[in-house]
Amino acid sequence: MIRQLSYFVLIVISLASFHAKAATLLILGDSLSAGYNMRAEQSWPTMLSDELSSGDEPMTVINGSVSGDTTSNGLAKLPGLLKQHSPDYILIELGANDGLRGFQPNIIKNNLASLIKMSQEAGAKVLLMQIRIPPNYGKRYASMFEGIYPDLAQESGVPLLPFFLEQVIIKPEWMMEDGLHPKPEAQPFIAQFVAESMQPHL
């Protein structure tokens, strides 16, 4: 009887541990996700875990974003991040620096496609964020650049998330003087916005 009871308790503990295991989200981004000119705890990825976690479904968020990163930088670092963290989900927020440097759209698209494929082959579910660049880069280039993301999402079968900066840039008090990066005051809104965009796909 004691042996049976001990076995039952062990099963209950094991099931509880299984249900409590946190899913892991890796954010692969640039300065927009890296907490540019602010403390790490002020950045929206740090706040995202609380936004995404529920009582019995915790979410661990790993921020692999680095200011200045391009899609090529993402390709170089992704294998190591996959090996180290084995994420369940990957949010790709890359391409802005490629666009600001005028990289060829086909190169950007190929790099993003490789990031998606590499992530999927590692068993992660990919979410791609739409990125846009300022209009002063020319209407033709800006249109080609922006079109990369919906085309790639459709071709790869991955969800396309809206670009959070569009909801922030309309509030000057939320933007740094460079006109490109959100202030710490905008980070809670971004965390909530990204979480709401991600929820249907988790």
Foldseek 3Di string as FASTA:
>chain_A
DVVVVVVVVVVVVVVLVVQQDEAEEEEEAACQQCVPPHDNCLAQQVVLQVLQDDDRHGYHYHYPYYHPDALVNSVVCVVVVCVVPVHQEYEYHHHANCVVVPHDLVVSLVSVLVVCVVQVVSNHAYEYEQDFYDCVVDPVSRVSNRVSQVVSCVVSVHHYFYDLVVVQLVDVVQDDPVSPYGDSVCSVVSSNRVSVRCVVPD
